[in-house]
Amino acid sequence: MAERMAHAIEATNLADILERVLDKGIVIAGDIQIRIADVELLTIKIRLLVASVDKAMEMGINWWQQDSFISSKANEERIKELETEVKRLKSEA
């Protein structure tokens, strides 16, 4: 029975930690650079934000709303833009 109790406490602690991270947000950042003889060949910048959607929007992050791969609304807007551009090109021809 003591084993069950310890496992339940660990699960609760993990849930609490996850809730805090999503509520507050956490940023992990790092850069990778490859250089040979002081010549930079490659730089990779890594940025990871873990937060709830509400927290991200509060921070002004809402890229998924404009991503046509994710958002049907953004996809519809892109289709309208393309149709307008096709009409304009046809009228110029």
Protein backbone atom coordinates (compact mmCIF):
# COMPACT_ATOMS: atom_id res chain seq x y z
CA MET A 1 0.00 0.00 0.00
CA ALA A 2 2.93 2.35 0.69
CA GLU A 3 4.07 1.87 -2.93
CA ARG A 4 0.68 2.92 -4.27
CA MET A 5 0.72 6.02 -2.09
CA ALA A 6 4.19 7.08 -3.24
CA HIS A 7 3.23 6.58 -6.90
CA ALA A 8 0.06 8.66 -6.49
CA ILE A 9 2.04 11.49 -4.89
CA GLU A 10 4.59 11.45 -7.74
CA ALA A 11 1.79 11.65 -10.32
CA THR A 12 0.23 14.57 -8.49
CA ASN A 13 3.57 16.37 -8.33
CA LEU A 14 4.13 15.83 -12.06
CA ALA A 15 0.65 17.15 -12.81
CA ASP A 16 1.32 20.20 -10.62
CA ILE A 17 4.62 20.87 -12.35
CA LEU A 18 3.03 20.57 -15.79
CA GLU A 19 0.20 22.89 -14.76
CA ARG A 20 2.69 25.50 -13.50
CA VAL A 21 4.81 25.28 -16.64
CA LEU A 22 1.79 25.69 -18.91
CA ASP A 23 0.42 28.51 -16.75
CA LYS A 24 3.67 30.49 -16.49
CA GLY A 25 5.48 29.31 -19.62
CA ILE A 26 9.08 28.24 -19.97
CA VAL A 27 11.64 29.19 -22.61
CA ILE A 28 14.59 27.06 -23.60
CA ALA A 29 17.11 28.71 -25.90
CA GLY A 30 20.40 27.68 -27.40
CA ASP A 31 22.67 28.33 -30.35
CA ILE A 32 24.84 25.92 -32.29
CA GLN A 33 27.68 27.31 -34.38
CA ILE A 34 30.06 25.46 -36.64
CA ARG A 35 33.30 27.31 -37.42
CA ILE A 36 36.52 26.38 -39.10
CA ALA A 37 39.51 28.72 -38.74
CA ASP A 38 37.28 31.58 -37.54
CA VAL A 39 34.97 31.20 -40.54
CA GLU A 40 31.37 30.65 -39.56
CA LEU A 41 29.92 27.86 -41.68
CA LEU A 42 26.61 27.28 -39.95
CA THR A 43 24.55 28.81 -37.15
CA ILE A 44 21.42 27.19 -35.79
CA LYS A 45 19.31 29.13 -33.30
CA ILE A 46 16.97 27.01 -31.24
CA ARG A 47 14.10 28.57 -29.30
CA LEU A 48 11.48 26.49 -27.54
CA LEU A 49 8.50 27.92 -25.69
CA VAL A 50 6.26 25.63 -23.66
CA ALA A 51 3.06 27.31 -22.51
CA SER A 52 -0.70 27.01 -22.69
CA VAL A 53 -2.48 28.56 -25.66
CA ASP A 54 -3.99 31.19 -23.37
CA LYS A 55 -0.57 32.15 -21.97
CA ALA A 56 0.97 32.24 -25.46
CA MET A 57 -1.79 34.55 -26.71
CA GLU A 58 -1.37 36.72 -23.62
CA MET A 59 2.31 37.03 -24.61
CA GLY A 60 1.31 38.02 -28.16
CA ILE A 61 2.20 34.69 -29.75
CA ASN A 62 -0.49 33.42 -32.10
CA TRP A 63 1.32 32.17 -35.21
CA TRP A 64 -0.97 29.16 -35.52
CA GLN A 65 -3.88 31.45 -36.39
CA GLN A 66 -2.11 32.60 -39.58
CA ASP A 67 -0.64 29.22 -40.52
CA SER A 68 -2.65 27.87 -43.44
CA PHE A 69 -1.51 24.32 -42.65
CA ILE A 70 -3.22 24.52 -39.25
CA SER A 71 -5.92 27.19 -39.56
CA SER A 72 -8.73 26.83 -42.10
CA LYS A 73 -9.47 30.56 -41.70
CA ALA A 74 -5.92 31.46 -42.72
CA ASN A 75 -6.18 29.03 -45.62
CA GLU A 76 -9.41 30.66 -46.82
CA GLU A 77 -7.79 34.11 -46.61
CA ARG A 78 -4.79 32.88 -48.63
CA ILE A 79 -7.11 31.41 -51.29
CA LYS A 80 -8.95 34.75 -51.58
CA GLU A 81 -5.61 36.56 -51.97
CA LEU A 82 -4.55 34.16 -54.72
CA GLU A 83 -7.89 34.47 -56.54
CA THR A 84 -7.59 38.28 -56.43
CA GLU A 85 -4.05 38.06 -57.80
CA VAL A 86 -5.16 35.74 -60.64
CA LYS A 87 -7.98 38.16 -61.56
CA ARG A 88 -5.51 41.07 -61.58
CA LEU A 89 -3.07 39.18 -63.79
CA LYS A 90 -5.84 38.17 -66.21
CA SER A 91 -7.01 41.78 -66.51
CA GLU A 92 -3.45 42.93 -67.31
CA ALA A 93 -2.99 40.28 -70.03
